[in-house]
Amino acid sequence: MRFRSPHESAKPVNSWRDTASDEAQQTLDDLFDTALQLAVQHVAKRGGFLPFAVSAADGDPISIEMLGEKADALRTIDLLWSSLRERRDDLAAAALW
């Protein structure tokens, strides 16, 4: 359980981790770690990154979706969201960076 700063109410604040299963927590941690590592690698190598999606399906490794270097960023976001929406029933978690 987390607490607010001393300047705010001292009432406990629930975290999503308080109610999420260990498996759900691990899936989200893995998803975030994968996305963050990829973004950091691209920033270090290229000075930035194009939008990409990461997703997790039950029992499968983390999936990464990216389009080519020449892709328009806004169009890429639309295409990635569409892809995630189409697969939403099979996904445990997803994020677009």
PDB file of N, CA and C in Angstrom:
ATOM      1  N   MET A   1       0.836  -1.157   0.000  1.00  0.00           N
ATOM      2  CA  MET A   1       0.000   0.000   0.000  1.00  0.00           C
ATOM      3  C   MET A   1       0.897   1.242   0.000  1.00  0.00           C
ATOM      4  N   ARG A   2       0.561   2.236  -0.798  1.00  0.00           N
ATOM      5  CA  ARG A   2       1.329   3.477  -0.865  1.00  0.00           C
ATOM      6  C   ARG A   2       0.630   4.560  -0.059  1.00  0.00           C
ATOM      7  N   PHE A   3       1.388   5.545   0.359  1.00  0.00           N
ATOM      8  CA  PHE A   3       0.822   6.691   1.064  1.00  0.00           C
ATOM      9  C   PHE A   3       1.135   7.963   0.289  1.00  0.00           C
ATOM     10  N   ARG A   4       0.275   8.926   0.426  1.00  0.00           N
ATOM     11  CA  ARG A   4       0.485  10.226  -0.218  1.00  0.00           C
ATOM     12  C   ARG A   4       1.592  10.973   0.505  1.00  0.00           C
ATOM     13  N   SER A   5       2.050  12.035  -0.090  1.00  0.00           N
ATOM     14  CA  SER A   5       3.080  12.855   0.532  1.00  0.00           C
ATOM     15  C   SER A   5       2.537  13.470   1.818  1.00  0.00           C
ATOM     16  N   PRO A   6       3.421  13.923   2.712  1.00  0.00           N
ATOM     17  CA  PRO A   6       2.959  14.521   3.974  1.00  0.00           C
ATOM     18  C   PRO A   6       2.075  15.743   3.769  1.00  0.00           C
ATOM     19  N   HIS A   7       2.141  16.345   2.601  1.00  0.00           N
ATOM     20  CA  HIS A   7       1.355  17.539   2.314  1.00  0.00           C
ATOM     21  C   HIS A   7      -0.081  17.206   1.919  1.00  0.00           C
ATOM     22  N   GLU A   8      -0.354  15.939   1.701  1.00  0.00           N
ATOM     23  CA  GLU A   8      -1.692  15.507   1.320  1.00  0.00           C
ATOM     24  C   GLU A   8      -2.289  14.685   2.451  1.00  0.00           C
ATOM     25  N   SER A   9      -3.472  14.213   2.238  1.00  0.00           N
ATOM     26  CA  SER A   9      -4.143  13.375   3.222  1.00  0.00           C
ATOM     27  C   SER A   9      -3.296  12.139   3.519  1.00  0.00           C
ATOM     28  N   ALA A  10      -3.312  11.698   4.758  1.00  0.00           N
ATOM     29  CA  ALA A  10      -2.527  10.532   5.159  1.00  0.00           C
ATOM     30  C   ALA A  10      -3.277   9.228   4.918  1.00  0.00           C
ATOM     31  N   LYS A  11      -4.428   9.296   4.259  1.00  0.00           N
ATOM     32  CA  LYS A  11      -5.178   8.085   3.982  1.00  0.00           C
ATOM     33  C   LYS A  11      -4.402   7.206   2.997  1.00  0.00           C
ATOM     34  N   PRO A  12      -4.393   5.882   3.206  1.00  0.00           N
ATOM     35  CA  PRO A  12      -3.714   4.989   2.265  1.00  0.00           C
ATOM     36  C   PRO A  12      -4.335   5.077   0.871  1.00  0.00           C
ATOM     37  N   VAL A  13      -3.509   4.945  -0.136  1.00  0.00           N
ATOM     38  CA  VAL A  13      -3.948   4.950  -1.517  1.00  0.00           C
ATOM     39  C   VAL A  13      -3.708   3.555  -2.082  1.00  0.00           C
ATOM     40  N   ASN A  14      -4.731   2.970  -2.637  1.00  0.00           N
ATOM     41  CA  ASN A  14      -4.578   1.642  -3.212  1.00  0.00           C
ATOM     42  C   ASN A  14      -3.837   1.713  -4.535  1.00  0.00           C
ATOM     43  N   SER A  15      -2.988   0.754  -4.760  1.00  0.00           N
ATOM     44  CA  SER A  15      -2.265   0.604  -6.007  1.00  0.00           C
ATOM     45  C   SER A  15      -2.909  -0.539  -6.786  1.00  0.00           C
ATOM     46  N   TRP A  16      -2.796  -0.518  -8.092  1.00  0.00           N
ATOM     47  CA  TRP A  16      -3.312  -1.616  -8.892  1.00  0.00           C
ATOM     48  C   TRP A  16      -2.642  -2.923  -8.483  1.00  0.00           C
ATOM     49  N   ARG A  17      -1.421  -2.842  -7.952  1.00  0.00           N
ATOM     50  CA  ARG A  17      -0.712  -4.045  -7.522  1.00  0.00           C
ATOM     51  C   ARG A  17      -1.352  -4.697  -6.297  1.00  0.00           C
ATOM     52  N   ASP A  18      -2.145  -3.940  -5.556  1.00  0.00           N
ATOM     53  CA  ASP A  18      -2.816  -4.491  -4.376  1.00  0.00           C
ATOM     54  C   ASP A  18      -3.856  -5.537  -4.747  1.00  0.00           C
ATOM     55  N   THR A  19      -4.415  -5.438  -5.945  1.00  0.00           N
ATOM     56  CA  THR A  19      -5.480  -6.358  -6.337  1.00  0.00           C
ATOM     57  C   THR A  19      -5.132  -7.237  -7.539  1.00  0.00           C
ATOM     58  N   ALA A  20      -4.068  -6.912  -8.261  1.00  0.00           N
ATOM     59  CA  ALA A  20      -3.689  -7.691  -9.443  1.00  0.00           C
ATOM     60  C   ALA A  20      -2.967  -8.970  -9.020  1.00  0.00           C
ATOM     61  N   SER A  21      -3.201 -10.016  -9.777  1.00  0.00           N
ATOM     62  CA  SER A  21      -2.515 -11.289  -9.503  1.00  0.00           C
ATOM     63  C   SER A  21      -1.021 -11.141  -9.778  1.00  0.00           C
ATOM     64  N   ASP A  22      -0.239 -12.048  -9.219  1.00  0.00           N
ATOM     65  CA  ASP A  22       1.205 -12.044  -9.480  1.00  0.00           C
ATOM     66  C   ASP A  22       1.483 -12.184 -10.971  1.00  0.00           C
ATOM     67  N   GLU A  23       0.687 -13.026 -11.643  1.00  0.00           N
ATOM     68  CA  GLU A  23       0.862 -13.229 -13.082  1.00  0.00           C
ATOM     69  C   GLU A  23       0.577 -11.938 -13.863  1.00  0.00           C
ATOM     70  N   ALA A  24      -0.475 -11.240 -13.494  1.00  0.00           N
ATOM     71  CA  ALA A  24      -0.817  -9.980 -14.167  1.00  0.00           C
ATOM     72  C   ALA A  24       0.268  -8.940 -13.930  1.00  0.00           C
ATOM     73  N   GLN A  25       0.763  -8.862 -12.709  1.00  0.00           N
ATOM     74  CA  GLN A  25       1.835  -7.920 -12.403  1.00  0.00           C
ATOM     75  C   GLN A  25       3.077  -8.230 -13.237  1.00  0.00           C
ATOM     76  N   GLN A  26       3.438  -9.509 -13.342  1.00  0.00           N
ATOM     77  CA  GLN A  26       4.621  -9.892 -14.110  1.00  0.00           C
ATOM     78  C   GLN A  26       4.441  -9.587 -15.587  1.00  0.00           C
ATOM     79  N   THR A  27       3.247  -9.850 -16.110  1.00  0.00           N
ATOM     80  CA  THR A  27       2.967  -9.557 -17.522  1.00  0.00           C
ATOM     81  C   THR A  27       3.125  -8.068 -17.802  1.00  0.00           C
ATOM     82  N   LEU A  28       2.556  -7.232 -16.951  1.00  0.00           N
ATOM     83  CA  LEU A  28       2.654  -5.784 -17.155  1.00  0.00           C
ATOM     84  C   LEU A  28       4.083  -5.283 -16.955  1.00  0.00           C
ATOM     85  N   ASP A  29       4.797  -5.851 -15.988  1.00  0.00           N
ATOM     86  CA  ASP A  29       6.206  -5.486 -15.803  1.00  0.00           C
ATOM     87  C   ASP A  29       7.023  -5.846 -17.036  1.00  0.00           C
ATOM     88  N   ASP A  30       6.802  -7.049 -17.576  1.00  0.00           N
ATOM     89  CA  ASP A  30       7.529  -7.490 -18.781  1.00  0.00           C
ATOM     90  C   ASP A  30       7.191  -6.609 -19.980  1.00  0.00           C
ATOM     91  N   LEU A  31       5.921  -6.265 -20.114  1.00  0.00           N
ATOM     92  CA  LEU A  31       5.480  -5.410 -21.218  1.00  0.00           C
ATOM     93  C   LEU A  31       6.158  -4.045 -21.139  1.00  0.00           C
ATOM     94  N   PHE A  32       6.123  -3.449 -19.959  1.00  0.00           N
ATOM     95  CA  PHE A  32       6.750  -2.143 -19.762  1.00  0.00           C
ATOM     96  C   PHE A  32       8.265  -2.218 -19.982  1.00  0.00           C
ATOM     97  N   ASP A  33       8.919  -3.233 -19.414  1.00  0.00           N
ATOM     98  CA  ASP A  33      10.371  -3.369 -19.573  1.00  0.00           C
ATOM     99  C   ASP A  33      10.769  -3.502 -21.038  1.00  0.00           C
ATOM    100  N   THR A  34      10.028  -4.310 -21.785  1.00  0.00           N
ATOM    101  CA  THR A  34      10.318  -4.499 -23.209  1.00  0.00           C
ATOM    102  C   THR A  34      10.181  -3.185 -23.972  1.00  0.00           C
ATOM    103  N   ALA A  35       9.085  -2.477 -23.729  1.00  0.00           N
ATOM    104  CA  ALA A  35       8.846  -1.210 -24.421  1.00  0.00           C
ATOM    105  C   ALA A  35       9.902  -0.179 -24.053  1.00  0.00           C
ATOM    106  N   LEU A  36      10.215  -0.083 -22.792  1.00  0.00           N
ATOM    107  CA  LEU A  36      11.207   0.901 -22.348  1.00  0.00           C
ATOM    108  C   LEU A  36      12.583   0.604 -22.926  1.00  0.00           C
ATOM    109  N   GLN A  37      12.991  -0.660 -22.901  1.00  0.00           N
ATOM    110  CA  GLN A  37      14.294  -1.027 -23.466  1.00  0.00           C
ATOM    111  C   GLN A  37      14.368  -0.704 -24.954  1.00  0.00           C
ATOM    112  N   LEU A  38      13.302  -0.999 -25.686  1.00  0.00           N
ATOM    113  CA  LEU A  38      13.284  -0.711 -27.122  1.00  0.00           C
ATOM    114  C   LEU A  38      13.353   0.791 -27.375  1.00  0.00           C
ATOM    115  N   ALA A  39      12.590   1.569 -26.634  1.00  0.00           N
ATOM    116  CA  ALA A  39      12.608   3.023 -26.797  1.00  0.00           C
ATOM    117  C   ALA A  39      13.992   3.587 -26.481  1.00  0.00           C
ATOM    118  N   VAL A  40      14.604   3.146 -25.404  1.00  0.00           N
ATOM    119  CA  VAL A  40      15.941   3.625 -25.019  1.00  0.00           C
ATOM    120  C   VAL A  40      16.966   3.259 -26.094  1.00  0.00           C
ATOM    121  N   GLN A  41      16.902   2.040 -26.607  1.00  0.00           N
ATOM    122  CA  GLN A  41      17.826   1.626 -27.672  1.00  0.00           C
ATOM    123  C   GLN A  41      17.689   2.518 -28.898  1.00  0.00           C
ATOM    124  N   HIS A  42      16.469   2.790 -29.298  1.00  0.00           N
ATOM    125  CA  HIS A  42      16.243   3.616 -30.490  1.00  0.00           C
ATOM    126  C   HIS A  42      16.673   5.065 -30.267  1.00  0.00           C
ATOM    127  N   VAL A  43      16.418   5.585 -29.087  1.00  0.00           N
ATOM    128  CA  VAL A  43      16.846   6.958 -28.790  1.00  0.00           C
ATOM    129  C   VAL A  43      18.371   7.032 -28.797  1.00  0.00           C
ATOM    130  N   ALA A  44      19.035   6.055 -28.205  1.00  0.00           N
ATOM    131  CA  ALA A  44      20.496   6.051 -28.163  1.00  0.00           C
ATOM    132  C   ALA A  44      21.095   5.918 -29.569  1.00  0.00           C
ATOM    133  N   LYS A  45      20.473   5.103 -30.401  1.00  0.00           N
ATOM    134  CA  LYS A  45      21.003   4.829 -31.735  1.00  0.00           C
ATOM    135  C   LYS A  45      20.601   5.877 -32.766  1.00  0.00           C
ATOM    136  N   ARG A  46      19.352   6.373 -32.663  1.00  0.00           N
ATOM    137  CA  ARG A  46      18.804   7.249 -33.707  1.00  0.00           C
ATOM    138  C   ARG A  46      18.403   8.629 -33.219  1.00  0.00           C
ATOM    139  N   GLY A  47      18.440   8.841 -31.918  1.00  0.00           N
ATOM    140  CA  GLY A  47      18.026  10.126 -31.376  1.00  0.00           C
ATOM    141  C   GLY A  47      16.532  10.254 -31.164  1.00  0.00           C
ATOM    142  N   GLY A  48      15.781   9.193 -31.393  1.00  0.00           N
ATOM    143  CA  GLY A  48      14.331   9.186 -31.211  1.00  0.00           C
ATOM    144  C   GLY A  48      13.780   7.852 -31.654  1.00  0.00           C
ATOM    145  N   PHE A  49      12.484   7.717 -31.607  1.00  0.00           N
ATOM    146  CA  PHE A  49      11.876   6.474 -32.075  1.00  0.00           C
ATOM    147  C   PHE A  49      10.530   6.754 -32.698  1.00  0.00           C
ATOM    148  N   LEU A  50      10.158   5.902 -33.633  1.00  0.00           N
ATOM    149  CA  LEU A  50       8.837   5.956 -34.237  1.00  0.00           C
ATOM    150  C   LEU A  50       7.874   5.192 -33.342  1.00  0.00           C
ATOM    151  N   PRO A  51       6.592   5.458 -33.439  1.00  0.00           N
ATOM    152  CA  PRO A  51       5.621   4.734 -32.615  1.00  0.00           C
ATOM    153  C   PRO A  51       5.727   3.224 -32.828  1.00  0.00           C
ATOM    154  N   PHE A  52       5.505   2.486 -31.756  1.00  0.00           N
ATOM    155  CA  PHE A  52       5.467   1.026 -31.830  1.00  0.00           C
ATOM    156  C   PHE A  52       4.505   0.513 -30.777  1.00  0.00           C
ATOM    157  N   ALA A  53       4.075  -0.732 -30.959  1.00  0.00           N
ATOM    158  CA  ALA A  53       3.158  -1.362 -30.008  1.00  0.00           C
ATOM    159  C   ALA A  53       3.823  -2.583 -29.411  1.00  0.00           C
ATOM    160  N   VAL A  54       3.535  -2.832 -28.160  1.00  0.00           N
ATOM    161  CA  VAL A  54       3.945  -4.061 -27.495  1.00  0.00           C
ATOM    162  C   VAL A  54       2.669  -4.702 -26.950  1.00  0.00           C
ATOM    163  N   SER A  55       2.620  -6.018 -26.997  1.00  0.00           N
ATOM    164  CA  SER A  55       1.425  -6.696 -26.504  1.00  0.00           C
ATOM    165  C   SER A  55       1.800  -8.043 -25.913  1.00  0.00           C
ATOM    166  N   ALA A  56       0.925  -8.533 -25.053  1.00  0.00           N
ATOM    167  CA  ALA A  56       1.106  -9.826 -24.413  1.00  0.00           C
ATOM    168  C   ALA A  56      -0.192 -10.606 -24.523  1.00  0.00           C
ATOM    169  N   ALA A  57      -0.079 -11.824 -25.019  1.00  0.00           N
ATOM    170  CA  ALA A  57      -1.201 -12.744 -25.044  1.00  0.00           C
ATOM    171  C   ALA A  57      -0.911 -13.817 -24.006  1.00  0.00           C
ATOM    172  N   ASP A  58      -1.939 -14.378 -23.436  1.00  0.00           N
ATOM    173  CA  ASP A  58      -1.754 -15.377 -22.385  1.00  0.00           C
ATOM    174  C   ASP A  58      -0.784 -16.478 -22.814  1.00  0.00           C
ATOM    175  N   GLY A  59       0.290 -16.625 -22.053  1.00  0.00           N
ATOM    176  CA  GLY A  59       1.248 -17.692 -22.289  1.00  0.00           C
ATOM    177  C   GLY A  59       2.240 -17.453 -23.410  1.00  0.00           C
ATOM    178  N   ASP A  60       2.109 -16.377 -24.141  1.00  0.00           N
ATOM    179  CA  ASP A  60       3.019 -16.083 -25.252  1.00  0.00           C
ATOM    180  C   ASP A  60       4.038 -15.038 -24.836  1.00  0.00           C
ATOM    181  N   PRO A  61       5.200 -15.014 -25.516  1.00  0.00           N
ATOM    182  CA  PRO A  61       6.160 -13.944 -25.227  1.00  0.00           C
ATOM    183  C   PRO A  61       5.620 -12.585 -25.679  1.00  0.00           C
ATOM    184  N   ILE A  62       6.243 -11.531 -25.197  1.00  0.00           N
ATOM    185  CA  ILE A  62       5.858 -10.169 -25.579  1.00  0.00           C
ATOM    186  C   ILE A  62       6.050 -10.001 -27.081  1.00  0.00           C
ATOM    187  N   SER A  63       5.069  -9.401 -27.729  1.00  0.00           N
ATOM    188  CA  SER A  63       5.110  -9.147 -29.162  1.00  0.00           C
ATOM    189  C   SER A  63       5.369  -7.660 -29.400  1.00  0.00           C
ATOM    190  N   ILE A  64       6.207  -7.360 -30.395  1.00  0.00           N
ATOM    191  CA  ILE A  64       6.515  -5.971 -30.755  1.00  0.00           C
ATOM    192  C   ILE A  64       6.066  -5.751 -32.193  1.00  0.00           C
ATOM    193  N   GLU A  65       5.347  -4.662 -32.425  1.00  0.00           N
ATOM    194  CA  GLU A  65       4.925  -4.292 -33.779  1.00  0.00           C
ATOM    195  C   GLU A  65       5.497  -2.921 -34.119  1.00  0.00           C
ATOM    196  N   MET A  66       6.175  -2.856 -35.262  1.00  0.00           N
ATOM    197  CA  MET A  66       6.736  -1.586 -35.744  1.00  0.00           C
ATOM    198  C   MET A  66       6.520  -1.527 -37.245  1.00  0.00           C
ATOM    199  N   LEU A  67       6.481  -0.327 -37.776  1.00  0.00           N
ATOM    200  CA  LEU A  67       6.433  -0.151 -39.218  1.00  0.00           C
ATOM    201  C   LEU A  67       7.794   0.362 -39.675  1.00  0.00           C
ATOM    202  N   GLY A  68       7.975   0.506 -40.953  1.00  0.00           N
ATOM    203  CA  GLY A  68       9.256   0.917 -41.507  1.00  0.00           C
ATOM    204  C   GLY A  68       9.698   2.306 -41.099  1.00  0.00           C
ATOM    205  N   GLU A  69      10.968   2.565 -41.286  1.00  0.00           N
ATOM    206  CA  GLU A  69      11.592   3.845 -40.930  1.00  0.00           C
ATOM    207  C   GLU A  69      10.952   5.033 -41.650  1.00  0.00           C
ATOM    208  N   LYS A  70      10.401   4.810 -42.805  1.00  0.00           N
ATOM    209  CA  LYS A  70       9.851   5.901 -43.611  1.00  0.00           C
ATOM    210  C   LYS A  70       8.377   6.180 -43.314  1.00  0.00           C
ATOM    211  N   ALA A  71       7.798   5.409 -42.406  1.00  0.00           N
ATOM    212  CA  ALA A  71       6.366   5.535 -42.130  1.00  0.00           C
ATOM    213  C   ALA A  71       6.047   6.857 -41.440  1.00  0.00           C
ATOM    214  N   ASP A  72       4.897   7.416 -41.792  1.00  0.00           N
ATOM    215  CA  ASP A  72       4.384   8.625 -41.152  1.00  0.00           C
ATOM    216  C   ASP A  72       3.950   8.255 -39.726  1.00  0.00           C
ATOM    217  N   ALA A  73       4.382   9.031 -38.733  1.00  0.00           N
ATOM    218  CA  ALA A  73       4.127   8.705 -37.331  1.00  0.00           C
ATOM    219  C   ALA A  73       2.633   8.634 -37.016  1.00  0.00           C
ATOM    220  N   LEU A  74       1.841   9.595 -37.473  1.00  0.00           N
ATOM    221  CA  LEU A  74       0.404   9.583 -37.176  1.00  0.00           C
ATOM    222  C   LEU A  74      -0.297   8.400 -37.841  1.00  0.00           C
ATOM    223  N   ARG A  75       0.083   8.102 -39.050  1.00  0.00           N
ATOM    224  CA  ARG A  75      -0.490   6.946 -39.761  1.00  0.00           C
ATOM    225  C   ARG A  75      -0.073   5.663 -39.049  1.00  0.00           C
ATOM    226  N   THR A  76       1.163   5.613 -38.575  1.00  0.00           N
ATOM    227  CA  THR A  76       1.653   4.445 -37.850  1.00  0.00           C
ATOM    228  C   THR A  76       0.819   4.206 -36.589  1.00  0.00           C
ATOM    229  N   ILE A  77       0.534   5.267 -35.852  1.00  0.00           N
ATOM    230  CA  ILE A  77      -0.281   5.137 -34.641  1.00  0.00           C
ATOM    231  C   ILE A  77      -1.656   4.569 -34.985  1.00  0.00           C
ATOM    232  N   ASP A  78      -2.274   5.081 -36.027  1.00  0.00           N
ATOM    233  CA  ASP A  78      -3.589   4.577 -36.448  1.00  0.00           C
ATOM    234  C   ASP A  78      -3.535   3.085 -36.791  1.00  0.00           C
ATOM    235  N   LEU A  79      -2.498   2.701 -37.539  1.00  0.00           N
ATOM    236  CA  LEU A  79      -2.373   1.296 -37.941  1.00  0.00           C
ATOM    237  C   LEU A  79      -2.098   0.389 -36.740  1.00  0.00           C
ATOM    238  N   LEU A  80      -1.266   0.843 -35.825  1.00  0.00           N
ATOM    239  CA  LEU A  80      -0.970   0.037 -34.645  1.00  0.00           C
ATOM    240  C   LEU A  80      -2.205  -0.118 -33.760  1.00  0.00           C
ATOM    241  N   TRP A  81      -2.959   0.982 -33.551  1.00  0.00           N
ATOM    242  CA  TRP A  81      -4.191   0.893 -32.763  1.00  0.00           C
ATOM    243  C   TRP A  81      -5.171  -0.071 -33.418  1.00  0.00           C
ATOM    244  N   SER A  82      -5.288  -0.004 -34.720  1.00  0.00           N
ATOM    245  CA  SER A  82      -6.194  -0.905 -35.437  1.00  0.00           C
ATOM    246  C   SER A  82      -5.781  -2.361 -35.239  1.00  0.00           C
ATOM    247  N   SER A  83      -4.499  -2.611 -35.333  1.00  0.00           N
ATOM    248  CA  SER A  83      -3.993  -3.970 -35.133  1.00  0.00           C
ATOM    249  C   SER A  83      -4.280  -4.471 -33.720  1.00  0.00           C
ATOM    250  N   LEU A  84      -4.051  -3.622 -32.722  1.00  0.00           N
ATOM    251  CA  LEU A  84      -4.319  -4.016 -31.338  1.00  0.00           C
ATOM    252  C   LEU A  84      -5.815  -4.246 -31.118  1.00  0.00           C
ATOM    253  N   ARG A  85      -6.648  -3.377 -31.691  1.00  0.00           N
ATOM    254  CA  ARG A  85      -8.102  -3.534 -31.547  1.00  0.00           C
ATOM    255  C   ARG A  85      -8.582  -4.853 -32.152  1.00  0.00           C
ATOM    256  N   GLU A  86      -8.035  -5.201 -33.305  1.00  0.00           N
ATOM    257  CA  GLU A  86      -8.438  -6.448 -33.969  1.00  0.00           C
ATOM    258  C   GLU A  86      -8.095  -7.669 -33.125  1.00  0.00           C
ATOM    259  N   ARG A  87      -7.034  -7.584 -32.335  1.00  0.00           N
ATOM    260  CA  ARG A  87      -6.568  -8.728 -31.539  1.00  0.00           C
ATOM    261  C   ARG A  87      -6.944  -8.626 -30.064  1.00  0.00           C
ATOM    262  N   ARG A  88      -7.758  -7.637 -29.708  1.00  0.00           N
ATOM    263  CA  ARG A  88      -8.017  -7.350 -28.290  1.00  0.00           C
ATOM    264  C   ARG A  88      -8.552  -8.540 -27.507  1.00  0.00           C
ATOM    265  N   ASP A  89      -9.332  -9.397 -28.126  1.00  0.00           N
ATOM    266  CA  ASP A  89      -9.891 -10.540 -27.404  1.00  0.00           C
ATOM    267  C   ASP A  89      -8.823 -11.577 -27.050  1.00  0.00           C
ATOM    268  N   ASP A  90      -7.698 -11.545 -27.759  1.00  0.00           N
ATOM    269  CA  ASP A  90      -6.618 -12.508 -27.518  1.00  0.00           C
ATOM    270  C   ASP A  90      -5.495 -11.944 -26.649  1.00  0.00           C
ATOM    271  N   LEU A  91      -5.572 -10.642 -26.342  1.00  0.00           N
ATOM    272  CA  LEU A  91      -4.476  -9.994 -25.616  1.00  0.00           C
ATOM    273  C   LEU A  91      -4.765  -9.882 -24.122  1.00  0.00           C
ATOM    274  N   ALA A  92      -3.713 -10.075 -23.340  1.00  0.00           N
ATOM    275  CA  ALA A  92      -3.806  -9.861 -21.893  1.00  0.00           C
ATOM    276  C   ALA A  92      -3.496  -8.394 -21.584  1.00  0.00           C
ATOM    277  N   ALA A  93      -2.596  -7.795 -22.373  1.00  0.00           N
ATOM    278  CA  ALA A  93      -2.198  -6.403 -22.162  1.00  0.00           C
ATOM    279  C   ALA A  93      -1.549  -5.884 -23.438  1.00  0.00           C
ATOM    280  N   ALA A  94      -1.604  -4.558 -23.605  1.00  0.00           N
ATOM    281  CA  ALA A  94      -0.987  -3.934 -24.772  1.00  0.00           C
ATOM    282  C   ALA A  94      -0.678  -2.472 -24.445  1.00  0.00           C
ATOM    283  N   ALA A  95       0.310  -1.944 -25.163  1.00  0.00           N
ATOM    284  CA  ALA A  95       0.662  -0.528 -25.006  1.00  0.00           C
ATOM    285  C   ALA A  95       1.173  -0.013 -26.333  1.00  0.00           C
ATOM    286  N   LEU A  96       0.922   1.254 -26.559  1.00  0.00           N
ATOM    287  CA  LEU A  96       1.417   1.928 -27.758  1.00  0.00           C
ATOM    288  C   LEU A  96       2.359   3.017 -27.305  1.00  0.00           C
ATOM    289  N   TRP A  97       3.573   3.005 -27.810  1.00  0.00           N
ATOM    290  CA  TRP A  97       4.606   3.992 -27.437  1.00  0.00           C
ATOM    291  C   TRP A  97       4.872   4.881 -28.618  1.00  0.00           C
TER     292      TRP A  97
END
